[in-house]
Every structure is written in C-alpha cells, then in structure tokens.
Amino acid sequence: MAAGGGTGMVRKPEGMTMGRHGWVLLAALAAPGVVAVAGMAATPAAAADAPAKPAAAANAPAVSPRIYDGSYQGRARLVHGTDAACPASRSGVVNIGDAGLVFPYQPGLVLAASLQPDGSLHAADGKAVLDGKVASGRLVFTVRTPDCETQFHGHVVWNHP
C-alpha cells in the first residue's frame, strides 16, 4: 500500500525530501542537536571541461567519493565571532549523503559541498567559504565569513554507502 493513502502516490513526509536512496531528513540549524543534514550534490559544470588525466592516473582504480557517506558526530565550535548572528558552539551530527554535504550555517546561508575522491570538500556562497576533509573516519571542516569562523570536528558513527 502506498504511503499516500492508497492512491499510488507517495506523500512527502513533513521535513523530508526524496534522496537517491529514500527519504532524507532536512532540519534547520536551530534544531537541537543538528549541525548539518545530508543533501544531493550537483555535478559541477566545470567537470565536463576538466583536463584529461595523465596515463598513470587513468589506469588507477577509480575511488568514489560516496565511500565517505555517513553520519559524523562531533562539535561545531565558534573560534572567531564579531557578530551576534554568529552561530553558537554546539554538539551534533553531520550527515554526508550522495557524496554531498549541505550545511545550514546561518539563517539564509546554506553551504552545499561535493566531496572529491580524495575526501576534500569545498563550498562558497558570496563571502562565506567551507573547506574541509574526510579521512580515516574523521570529518573536519571550517566555515569562514567576514564576521564568523566555525570549526567542526567529528568521527563517523554510522557509515551508509
């Protein structure tokens, strides 16, 4: 039986969106204990214009950035803040799904980063920048704006490739 009441249509649950592997929870930064949520990563248009790989790299086995998909528990710590609108330090869980991370940093400022095969991630929106890395079960990233800087350090608590 369909979740939409037998009509054959699946009704979108409140606060959820359809991801590649099913419903994905969306939550605002203000939600207690939630630092970030999973998101679907778009393929950058520049990828089509990328230079050809050297022959040695072309023969190496491809590594999918989806190997980093998982839930990472940790703490986002405000390390620099001059504006009352800077997000406070807090503990929570960051989810990476479909090789992408969506981080709602401040009201009206959501950063979306695609993971690279080496585990690095980057996002920019105006003057806000997110840079980080996933390696050995650890997720570390920094978000910088002209007025705020926040660092997240977390460890994998559930891998969902």
N, C-alpha and C. Protein backbone atom coordinates (compact mmCIF):
# COMPACT_ATOMS: atom_id res chain seq x y z
N MET A 1 0.84 -1.17 0.00
CA MET A 1 0.00 0.00 0.00
C MET A 1 0.89 1.24 0.00
N ALA A 2 0.55 2.23 -0.77
CA ALA A 2 1.34 3.45 -0.87
C ALA A 2 1.18 4.29 0.38
N ALA A 3 2.23 5.05 0.68
CA ALA A 3 2.21 5.88 1.87
C ALA A 3 1.22 7.03 1.73
N GLY A 4 0.75 7.33 0.55
CA GLY A 4 -0.16 8.45 0.33
C GLY A 4 -1.61 8.06 0.50
N GLY A 5 -1.94 6.96 1.14
CA GLY A 5 -3.32 6.60 1.40
C GLY A 5 -3.92 5.73 0.32
N GLY A 6 -3.13 4.94 -0.38
CA GLY A 6 -3.65 4.00 -1.36
C GLY A 6 -3.88 4.61 -2.72
N THR A 7 -3.43 5.83 -2.96
CA THR A 7 -3.65 6.48 -4.24
C THR A 7 -2.56 6.15 -5.24
N GLY A 8 -1.52 5.43 -4.82
CA GLY A 8 -0.40 5.15 -5.71
C GLY A 8 0.66 6.23 -5.63
N MET A 9 0.36 7.33 -4.97
CA MET A 9 1.29 8.44 -4.81
C MET A 9 1.91 8.36 -3.40
N VAL A 10 3.17 8.66 -3.30
CA VAL A 10 3.83 8.69 -2.00
C VAL A 10 3.82 10.13 -1.53
N ARG A 11 3.22 10.37 -0.37
CA ARG A 11 3.15 11.72 0.18
C ARG A 11 4.48 12.04 0.85
N LYS A 12 4.98 13.25 0.62
CA LYS A 12 6.24 13.69 1.20
C LYS A 12 6.05 13.90 2.69
N PRO A 13 6.80 13.16 3.53
CA PRO A 13 6.71 13.39 4.97
C PRO A 13 7.18 14.79 5.32
N GLU A 14 6.62 15.37 6.36
CA GLU A 14 7.00 16.70 6.82
C GLU A 14 8.49 16.74 7.16
N GLY A 15 9.20 17.76 6.63
CA GLY A 15 10.61 17.91 6.93
C GLY A 15 11.52 16.95 6.20
N MET A 16 11.03 16.27 5.18
CA MET A 16 11.82 15.28 4.46
C MET A 16 11.85 15.64 2.97
N THR A 17 12.85 15.12 2.29
CA THR A 17 12.93 15.24 0.85
C THR A 17 13.40 13.90 0.29
N MET A 18 13.10 13.63 -0.95
CA MET A 18 13.49 12.35 -1.54
C MET A 18 14.94 12.43 -2.00
N GLY A 19 15.76 11.56 -1.47
CA GLY A 19 17.16 11.47 -1.86
C GLY A 19 17.34 10.28 -2.79
N ARG A 20 18.54 10.01 -3.17
CA ARG A 20 18.85 8.93 -4.09
C ARG A 20 18.45 7.57 -3.53
N HIS A 21 18.56 7.43 -2.19
CA HIS A 21 18.29 6.14 -1.57
C HIS A 21 17.09 6.19 -0.63
N GLY A 22 16.18 7.14 -0.83
CA GLY A 22 15.00 7.21 0.01
C GLY A 22 14.85 8.59 0.62
N TRP A 23 14.01 8.67 1.63
CA TRP A 23 13.72 9.95 2.27
C TRP A 23 14.92 10.42 3.07
N VAL A 24 15.25 11.71 2.94
CA VAL A 24 16.36 12.32 3.64
C VAL A 24 15.79 13.40 4.55
N LEU A 25 16.20 13.38 5.81
CA LEU A 25 15.73 14.36 6.78
C LEU A 25 16.36 15.72 6.50
N LEU A 26 15.54 16.75 6.49
CA LEU A 26 16.02 18.12 6.39
C LEU A 26 15.72 18.79 7.71
N ALA A 27 16.67 19.51 8.24
CA ALA A 27 16.45 20.18 9.52
C ALA A 27 17.14 21.52 9.51
N ALA A 28 16.55 22.48 10.19
CA ALA A 28 17.14 23.81 10.30
C ALA A 28 18.30 23.78 11.28
N LEU A 29 19.22 24.70 11.12
CA LEU A 29 20.36 24.78 12.01
C LEU A 29 19.91 24.97 13.45
N ALA A 30 18.78 25.61 13.65
CA ALA A 30 18.30 25.88 15.01
C ALA A 30 17.77 24.64 15.70
N ALA A 31 17.57 23.54 14.99
CA ALA A 31 17.04 22.33 15.61
C ALA A 31 18.05 21.80 16.61
N PRO A 32 17.61 21.46 17.83
CA PRO A 32 18.55 20.98 18.86
C PRO A 32 19.32 19.75 18.41
N GLY A 33 20.63 19.78 18.56
CA GLY A 33 21.47 18.63 18.28
C GLY A 33 21.76 18.40 16.82
N VAL A 34 21.27 19.26 15.91
CA VAL A 34 21.50 19.06 14.49
C VAL A 34 22.44 20.14 14.01
N VAL A 35 23.55 19.73 13.42
CA VAL A 35 24.51 20.68 12.90
C VAL A 35 24.36 20.80 11.40
N ALA A 36 24.13 19.68 10.71
CA ALA A 36 24.01 19.71 9.26
C ALA A 36 23.18 18.52 8.82
N VAL A 37 22.79 18.54 7.55
CA VAL A 37 21.98 17.46 7.02
C VAL A 37 22.55 16.99 5.70
N ALA A 38 22.17 15.81 5.30
CA ALA A 38 22.63 15.25 4.02
C ALA A 38 21.94 15.97 2.89
N GLY A 39 22.57 15.97 1.74
CA GLY A 39 21.97 16.58 0.57
C GLY A 39 22.46 15.92 -0.68
N MET A 40 21.79 16.21 -1.76
CA MET A 40 22.22 15.65 -3.03
C MET A 40 23.19 16.64 -3.66
N ALA A 41 24.31 16.17 -4.06
CA ALA A 41 25.34 17.02 -4.62
C ALA A 41 25.17 17.11 -6.13
N ALA A 42 25.23 18.32 -6.63
CA ALA A 42 25.15 18.53 -8.07
C ALA A 42 26.53 18.34 -8.68
N THR A 43 26.57 17.86 -9.90
CA THR A 43 27.84 17.70 -10.59
C THR A 43 28.23 19.06 -11.15
N PRO A 44 29.40 19.58 -10.78
CA PRO A 44 29.81 20.88 -11.28
C PRO A 44 29.90 20.89 -12.80
N ALA A 45 29.45 22.00 -13.41
CA ALA A 45 29.51 22.12 -14.86
C ALA A 45 30.94 22.08 -15.35
N ALA A 46 31.88 22.56 -14.52
CA ALA A 46 33.28 22.58 -14.92
C ALA A 46 33.85 21.18 -15.08
N ALA A 47 33.20 20.16 -14.49
CA ALA A 47 33.72 18.80 -14.58
C ALA A 47 33.79 18.33 -16.03
N ALA A 48 32.87 18.80 -16.86
CA ALA A 48 32.88 18.40 -18.26
C ALA A 48 34.08 18.99 -18.99
N ASP A 49 34.59 20.14 -18.49
CA ASP A 49 35.71 20.81 -19.13
C ASP A 49 37.04 20.48 -18.48
N ALA A 50 37.06 19.51 -17.57
CA ALA A 50 38.28 19.16 -16.85
C ALA A 50 39.33 18.62 -17.81
N PRO A 51 40.61 18.93 -17.55
CA PRO A 51 41.67 18.41 -18.41
C PRO A 51 41.77 16.90 -18.30
N ALA A 52 42.31 16.29 -19.35
CA ALA A 52 42.46 14.83 -19.36
C ALA A 52 43.45 14.41 -18.29
N LYS A 53 43.22 13.22 -17.70
CA LYS A 53 44.10 12.70 -16.66
C LYS A 53 45.37 12.14 -17.30
N PRO A 54 46.50 12.21 -16.58
CA PRO A 54 47.71 11.57 -17.09
C PRO A 54 47.48 10.06 -17.22
N ALA A 55 48.27 9.39 -18.03
CA ALA A 55 48.08 7.97 -18.29
C ALA A 55 48.13 7.14 -17.01
N ALA A 56 49.04 7.44 -16.08
CA ALA A 56 49.13 6.67 -14.84
C ALA A 56 47.87 6.81 -14.01
N ALA A 57 47.33 8.03 -13.94
CA ALA A 57 46.10 8.26 -13.18
C ALA A 57 44.91 7.61 -13.88
N ALA A 58 44.92 7.58 -15.20
CA ALA A 58 43.82 6.98 -15.93
C ALA A 58 43.73 5.48 -15.68
N ASN A 59 44.88 4.83 -15.40
CA ASN A 59 44.89 3.39 -15.15
C ASN A 59 44.62 3.03 -13.70
N ALA A 60 44.67 4.01 -12.80
CA ALA A 60 44.43 3.74 -11.37
C ALA A 60 42.94 3.46 -11.16
N PRO A 61 42.61 2.60 -10.21
CA PRO A 61 41.20 2.33 -9.95
C PRO A 61 40.50 3.59 -9.46
N ALA A 62 39.28 3.79 -9.94
CA ALA A 62 38.50 4.97 -9.56
C ALA A 62 38.01 4.82 -8.12
N VAL A 63 38.10 5.90 -7.37
CA VAL A 63 37.60 5.92 -6.00
C VAL A 63 36.38 6.83 -5.98
N SER A 64 35.28 6.30 -5.52
CA SER A 64 34.05 7.09 -5.47
C SER A 64 34.02 7.89 -4.18
N PRO A 65 33.69 9.19 -4.27
CA PRO A 65 33.57 9.98 -3.05
C PRO A 65 32.42 9.52 -2.16
N ARG A 66 31.56 8.62 -2.68
CA ARG A 66 30.45 8.10 -1.87
C ARG A 66 30.94 7.20 -0.75
N ILE A 67 32.20 6.78 -0.77
CA ILE A 67 32.72 5.96 0.33
C ILE A 67 32.71 6.75 1.63
N TYR A 68 32.60 8.08 1.55
CA TYR A 68 32.58 8.92 2.74
C TYR A 68 31.17 9.16 3.28
N ASP A 69 30.14 8.66 2.57
CA ASP A 69 28.77 8.84 3.03
C ASP A 69 28.61 8.24 4.41
N GLY A 70 28.04 8.99 5.31
CA GLY A 70 27.84 8.51 6.67
C GLY A 70 27.41 9.62 7.60
N SER A 71 27.23 9.28 8.85
CA SER A 71 26.88 10.23 9.90
C SER A 71 28.11 10.45 10.77
N TYR A 72 28.44 11.71 11.00
CA TYR A 72 29.63 12.07 11.76
C TYR A 72 29.21 12.88 12.99
N GLN A 73 29.48 12.35 14.16
CA GLN A 73 29.12 13.01 15.41
C GLN A 73 30.30 13.84 15.88
N GLY A 74 30.02 15.06 16.31
CA GLY A 74 31.11 15.90 16.77
C GLY A 74 30.64 17.22 17.32
N ARG A 75 31.50 18.20 17.24
CA ARG A 75 31.22 19.51 17.81
C ARG A 75 31.61 20.60 16.83
N ALA A 76 30.68 21.54 16.63
CA ALA A 76 30.95 22.76 15.87
C ALA A 76 31.30 23.83 16.90
N ARG A 77 32.50 24.40 16.77
CA ARG A 77 32.97 25.36 17.76
C ARG A 77 33.23 26.70 17.10
N LEU A 78 32.60 27.75 17.64
CA LEU A 78 32.84 29.10 17.16
C LEU A 78 34.23 29.52 17.63
N VAL A 79 35.14 29.77 16.70
CA VAL A 79 36.52 30.13 17.07
C VAL A 79 36.79 31.61 16.86
N HIS A 80 35.93 32.27 16.11
CA HIS A 80 36.05 33.71 15.89
C HIS A 80 34.67 34.25 15.61
N GLY A 81 34.28 35.29 16.30
CA GLY A 81 32.98 35.88 16.04
C GLY A 81 32.89 37.30 16.53
N THR A 82 32.53 38.20 15.61
CA THR A 82 32.37 39.60 15.97
C THR A 82 30.92 40.03 15.84
N ASP A 83 30.08 39.15 15.33
CA ASP A 83 28.70 39.48 15.05
C ASP A 83 27.79 38.63 15.94
N ALA A 84 26.76 39.25 16.50
CA ALA A 84 25.82 38.50 17.34
C ALA A 84 25.11 37.41 16.55
N ALA A 85 25.13 37.47 15.23
CA ALA A 85 24.47 36.47 14.38
C ALA A 85 25.33 35.23 14.15
N CYS A 86 26.55 35.20 14.70
CA CYS A 86 27.39 34.01 14.53
C CYS A 86 26.75 32.84 15.28
N PRO A 87 26.74 31.66 14.66
CA PRO A 87 26.15 30.50 15.35
C PRO A 87 26.98 30.12 16.59
N ALA A 88 26.27 29.75 17.64
CA ALA A 88 26.93 29.34 18.88
C ALA A 88 27.58 27.98 18.70
N SER A 89 28.57 27.68 19.54
CA SER A 89 29.18 26.35 19.55
C SER A 89 28.12 25.34 19.98
N ARG A 90 28.18 24.13 19.40
CA ARG A 90 27.22 23.09 19.74
C ARG A 90 27.71 21.73 19.29
N SER A 91 27.17 20.70 19.92
CA SER A 91 27.43 19.32 19.51
C SER A 91 26.30 18.86 18.61
N GLY A 92 26.58 17.89 17.74
CA GLY A 92 25.55 17.38 16.86
C GLY A 92 26.10 16.38 15.87
N VAL A 93 25.30 16.12 14.86
CA VAL A 93 25.63 15.14 13.84
C VAL A 93 25.58 15.81 12.47
N VAL A 94 26.61 15.55 11.67
CA VAL A 94 26.66 16.00 10.29
C VAL A 94 26.51 14.76 9.42
N ASN A 95 25.59 14.81 8.48
CA ASN A 95 25.37 13.69 7.56
C ASN A 95 25.92 14.02 6.19
N ILE A 96 26.62 13.06 5.60
CA ILE A 96 27.08 13.18 4.22
C ILE A 96 26.34 12.11 3.44
N GLY A 97 25.65 12.50 2.40
CA GLY A 97 24.89 11.56 1.59
C GLY A 97 25.04 11.88 0.11
N ASP A 98 25.08 10.87 -0.70
CA ASP A 98 25.27 11.02 -2.15
C ASP A 98 26.49 11.90 -2.44
N ALA A 99 27.57 11.69 -1.65
CA ALA A 99 28.84 12.40 -1.80
C ALA A 99 28.67 13.91 -1.67
N GLY A 100 27.71 14.33 -0.87
CA GLY A 100 27.49 15.76 -0.67
C GLY A 100 27.14 16.09 0.76
N LEU A 101 27.48 17.29 1.16
CA LEU A 101 27.18 17.80 2.48
C LEU A 101 26.46 19.13 2.31
N VAL A 102 25.33 19.29 2.97
CA VAL A 102 24.60 20.56 2.97
C VAL A 102 24.66 21.08 4.40
N PHE A 103 25.23 22.27 4.57
CA PHE A 103 25.44 22.81 5.91
C PHE A 103 24.71 24.14 6.07
N PRO A 104 23.61 24.14 6.84
CA PRO A 104 22.90 25.40 7.10
C PRO A 104 23.65 26.18 8.19
N TYR A 105 24.49 27.11 7.79
CA TYR A 105 25.38 27.79 8.74
C TYR A 105 24.67 28.88 9.55
N GLN A 106 23.96 29.74 8.85
CA GLN A 106 23.22 30.82 9.48
C GLN A 106 21.88 30.93 8.76
N PRO A 107 20.88 31.57 9.39
CA PRO A 107 19.62 31.77 8.67
C PRO A 107 19.88 32.45 7.32
N GLY A 108 19.39 31.84 6.27
CA GLY A 108 19.57 32.37 4.92
C GLY A 108 20.92 32.05 4.30
N LEU A 109 21.77 31.29 4.97
CA LEU A 109 23.08 30.92 4.42
C LEU A 109 23.29 29.42 4.56
N VAL A 110 23.11 28.72 3.44
CA VAL A 110 23.28 27.27 3.39
C VAL A 110 24.39 26.97 2.40
N LEU A 111 25.39 26.24 2.85
CA LEU A 111 26.53 25.89 2.00
C LEU A 111 26.42 24.43 1.57
N ALA A 112 26.57 24.16 0.28
CA ALA A 112 26.49 22.81 -0.26
C ALA A 112 27.84 22.45 -0.87
N ALA A 113 28.43 21.37 -0.38
CA ALA A 113 29.75 20.94 -0.83
C ALA A 113 29.70 19.54 -1.40
N SER A 114 30.35 19.32 -2.52
CA SER A 114 30.51 17.99 -3.11
C SER A 114 31.86 17.44 -2.67
N LEU A 115 31.85 16.18 -2.23
CA LEU A 115 33.11 15.55 -1.85
C LEU A 115 33.88 15.12 -3.08
N GLN A 116 35.18 15.27 -3.00
CA GLN A 116 36.07 14.84 -4.06
C GLN A 116 36.57 13.43 -3.73
N PRO A 117 37.09 12.68 -4.70
CA PRO A 117 37.58 11.33 -4.42
C PRO A 117 38.63 11.26 -3.32
N ASP A 118 39.39 12.35 -3.09
CA ASP A 118 40.41 12.35 -2.03
C ASP A 118 39.82 12.70 -0.67
N GLY A 119 38.51 12.95 -0.59
CA GLY A 119 37.86 13.28 0.67
C GLY A 119 37.77 14.76 0.97
N SER A 120 38.33 15.59 0.11
CA SER A 120 38.26 17.03 0.35
C SER A 120 36.89 17.56 -0.05
N LEU A 121 36.49 18.67 0.57
CA LEU A 121 35.23 19.30 0.22
C LEU A 121 35.39 20.80 0.28
N HIS A 122 34.63 21.50 -0.56
CA HIS A 122 34.70 22.95 -0.65
C HIS A 122 33.34 23.47 -1.10
N ALA A 123 32.94 24.59 -0.50
CA ALA A 123 31.73 25.28 -0.93
C ALA A 123 31.95 26.77 -0.70
N ALA A 124 31.32 27.59 -1.53
CA ALA A 124 31.40 29.04 -1.36
C ALA A 124 30.06 29.64 -1.76
N ASP A 125 29.65 30.65 -1.00
CA ASP A 125 28.42 31.38 -1.29
C ASP A 125 28.69 32.83 -0.91
N GLY A 126 28.99 33.65 -1.91
CA GLY A 126 29.35 35.03 -1.62
C GLY A 126 30.65 35.07 -0.84
N LYS A 127 30.63 35.67 0.36
CA LYS A 127 31.83 35.78 1.18
C LYS A 127 31.97 34.63 2.17
N ALA A 128 31.06 33.67 2.15
CA ALA A 128 31.13 32.50 3.04
C ALA A 128 31.83 31.36 2.32
N VAL A 129 32.76 30.70 3.03
CA VAL A 129 33.54 29.60 2.45
C VAL A 129 33.58 28.44 3.43
N LEU A 130 33.37 27.23 2.93
CA LEU A 130 33.51 25.99 3.70
C LEU A 130 34.62 25.18 3.06
N ASP A 131 35.62 24.79 3.86
CA ASP A 131 36.71 23.93 3.39
C ASP A 131 36.92 22.83 4.41
N GLY A 132 37.15 21.60 3.93
CA GLY A 132 37.37 20.52 4.87
C GLY A 132 37.86 19.26 4.22
N LYS A 133 37.86 18.19 5.02
CA LYS A 133 38.41 16.90 4.58
C LYS A 133 37.78 15.78 5.41
N VAL A 134 37.55 14.65 4.75
CA VAL A 134 37.15 13.41 5.42
C VAL A 134 38.29 12.42 5.21
N ALA A 135 38.77 11.82 6.30
CA ALA A 135 39.84 10.83 6.21
C ALA A 135 39.84 9.99 7.47
N SER A 136 40.06 8.70 7.33
CA SER A 136 40.19 7.77 8.45
C SER A 136 39.04 7.88 9.44
N GLY A 137 37.82 8.02 8.91
CA GLY A 137 36.64 8.07 9.77
C GLY A 137 36.44 9.40 10.48
N ARG A 138 37.16 10.43 10.08
CA ARG A 138 37.05 11.75 10.71
C ARG A 138 36.61 12.78 9.67
N LEU A 139 35.75 13.69 10.09
CA LEU A 139 35.31 14.81 9.27
C LEU A 139 35.74 16.08 9.98
N VAL A 140 36.48 16.92 9.28
CA VAL A 140 36.93 18.20 9.81
C VAL A 140 36.67 19.25 8.75
N PHE A 141 35.99 20.33 9.13
CA PHE A 141 35.83 21.44 8.19
C PHE A 141 35.72 22.75 8.95
N THR A 142 35.99 23.84 8.21
CA THR A 142 35.92 25.19 8.75
C THR A 142 35.01 26.01 7.84
N VAL A 143 34.15 26.81 8.46
CA VAL A 143 33.31 27.76 7.72
C VAL A 143 33.78 29.15 8.13
N ARG A 144 34.06 29.98 7.11
CA ARG A 144 34.51 31.35 7.35
C ARG A 144 33.59 32.33 6.64
N THR A 145 33.22 33.36 7.38
CA THR A 145 32.53 34.52 6.81
C THR A 145 33.33 35.74 7.25
N PRO A 146 33.02 36.93 6.76
CA PRO A 146 33.77 38.10 7.23
C PRO A 146 33.70 38.31 8.75
N ASP A 147 32.61 37.87 9.39
CA ASP A 147 32.42 38.11 10.82
C ASP A 147 32.57 36.88 11.71
N CYS A 148 32.54 35.67 11.13
CA CYS A 148 32.49 34.46 11.95
C CYS A 148 33.43 33.39 11.38
N GLU A 149 33.90 32.52 12.27
CA GLU A 149 34.63 31.32 11.85
C GLU A 149 34.25 30.18 12.79
N THR A 150 33.79 29.08 12.20
CA THR A 150 33.38 27.91 12.97
C THR A 150 34.14 26.70 12.46
N GLN A 151 34.62 25.85 13.39
CA GLN A 151 35.30 24.61 13.03
C GLN A 151 34.47 23.44 13.53
N PHE A 152 34.33 22.42 12.68
CA PHE A 152 33.64 21.19 13.07
C PHE A 152 34.66 20.06 13.06
N HIS A 153 34.66 19.27 14.14
CA HIS A 153 35.47 18.07 14.24
C HIS A 153 34.54 16.94 14.64
N GLY A 154 34.49 15.86 13.84
CA GLY A 154 33.62 14.75 14.16
C GLY A 154 34.20 13.41 13.72
N HIS A 155 33.61 12.34 14.23
CA HIS A 155 34.03 10.98 13.85
C HIS A 155 32.80 10.22 13.35
N VAL A 156 33.05 9.27 12.47
CA VAL A 156 31.95 8.52 11.87
C VAL A 156 31.29 7.65 12.95
N VAL A 157 29.96 7.71 13.00
CA VAL A 157 29.21 6.86 13.93
C VAL A 157 28.34 5.87 13.17
N TRP A 158 28.15 6.13 11.88
CA TRP A 158 27.38 5.19 11.05
C TRP A 158 27.73 5.44 9.60
N ASN A 159 28.20 4.40 8.93
CA ASN A 159 28.53 4.50 7.52
C ASN A 159 27.35 4.00 6.72
N HIS A 160 26.87 4.80 5.77
CA HIS A 160 25.75 4.37 4.93
C HIS A 160 26.06 4.66 3.46
N PRO A 161 26.92 3.78 2.88
CA PRO A 161 27.29 3.96 1.46
C PRO A 161 26.15 3.61 0.51
